[in-house]
């Protein structure tokens, strides 16, 4: 899950697994697998960075639960 900010300043926590692609325009538009589109304040590079960090944390947690460090 990643924290983002909608254009109206409201916070949103998004399941990063649902991101299909990100459209680049004046606004960053996240297109989900459901067809829903979410406009956020963060630039695409920042969204990608947060997704990568989230996936790293998930990977580390899975390794710890399997007895790996």
Protein backbone atom coordinates (compact mmCIF):
# COMPACT_ATOMS: atom_id res chain seq x y z
CA UNK A 1 0.00 0.00 0.00
CA UNK A 2 1.29 3.46 -0.85
CA UNK A 3 0.21 6.85 0.42
CA UNK A 4 -0.70 9.47 -2.19
CA UNK A 5 -2.52 12.80 -2.36
CA UNK A 6 -5.49 13.49 -4.63
CA UNK A 7 -5.66 16.82 -6.42
CA UNK A 8 -8.25 18.04 -3.88
CA UNK A 9 -5.65 17.55 -1.09
CA UNK A 10 -7.31 14.42 0.34
CA UNK A 11 -5.04 11.54 1.28
CA UNK A 12 -5.45 8.13 -0.30
CA UNK A 13 -3.83 4.78 0.42
CA UNK A 14 -3.62 2.76 -2.76
CA UNK A 15 -2.98 -0.95 -3.27
CA UNK A 16 0.01 -0.74 -5.63
CA UNK A 17 -0.82 -4.16 -7.09
CA UNK A 18 -3.85 -2.59 -8.77
CA UNK A 19 -1.83 -0.10 -10.83
CA UNK A 20 -1.98 -0.94 -14.53
CA UNK A 21 -0.17 2.12 -15.84
CA UNK A 22 0.45 5.81 -15.16
CA UNK A 23 -0.52 8.49 -17.65
CA UNK A 24 1.65 11.58 -17.87
CA UNK A 25 -0.12 14.86 -18.51
CA UNK A 26 -0.11 18.04 -16.50
CA UNK A 27 -1.56 15.78 -13.78
CA UNK A 28 -0.39 12.30 -12.86
CA UNK A 29 -3.20 9.87 -13.64
CA UNK A 30 -2.98 6.37 -12.17
CA UNK A 31 -4.99 3.84 -14.15
CA UNK A 32 -6.07 0.81 -12.16
CA UNK A 33 -6.82 -2.71 -13.34
CA UNK A 34 -10.49 -2.04 -12.56
CA UNK A 35 -10.57 0.76 -15.14
CA UNK A 36 -10.75 3.47 -12.47
CA UNK A 37 -8.48 6.50 -12.91
CA UNK A 38 -7.08 8.45 -9.99
CA UNK A 39 -5.45 11.86 -10.37
CA UNK A 40 -2.76 12.57 -7.81
CA UNK A 41 -0.43 15.43 -6.93
CA UNK A 42 2.72 13.31 -6.89
CA UNK A 43 4.76 13.14 -10.09
CA UNK A 44 5.04 9.77 -11.84
CA UNK A 45 8.67 9.28 -10.69
CA UNK A 46 7.58 9.67 -7.07
CA UNK A 47 4.71 7.20 -7.49
CA UNK A 48 7.13 4.69 -9.03
CA UNK A 49 9.64 5.23 -6.21
CA UNK A 50 6.96 4.55 -3.61
CA UNK A 51 5.82 1.39 -5.41
CA UNK A 52 9.40 0.11 -5.62
CA UNK A 53 9.98 0.83 -1.91
CA UNK A 54 6.70 -0.91 -1.01
CA UNK A 55 7.67 -3.97 -3.05
CA UNK A 56 11.09 -4.07 -1.36
CA UNK A 57 9.42 -4.05 2.06
CA UNK A 58 7.05 -6.82 1.00
CA UNK A 59 9.95 -8.88 -0.31
CA UNK A 60 11.91 -8.43 2.92
CA UNK A 61 8.89 -9.40 5.02
CA UNK A 62 8.34 -12.55 2.96
CA UNK A 63 11.99 -13.50 3.41
CA UNK A 64 11.76 -13.07 7.17
CA UNK A 65 8.59 -15.16 7.39
CA UNK A 66 10.32 -17.95 5.45
CA UNK A 67 13.24 -17.98 7.86
CA UNK A 68 15.52 -16.02 5.52
CA UNK A 69 17.24 -12.78 6.43
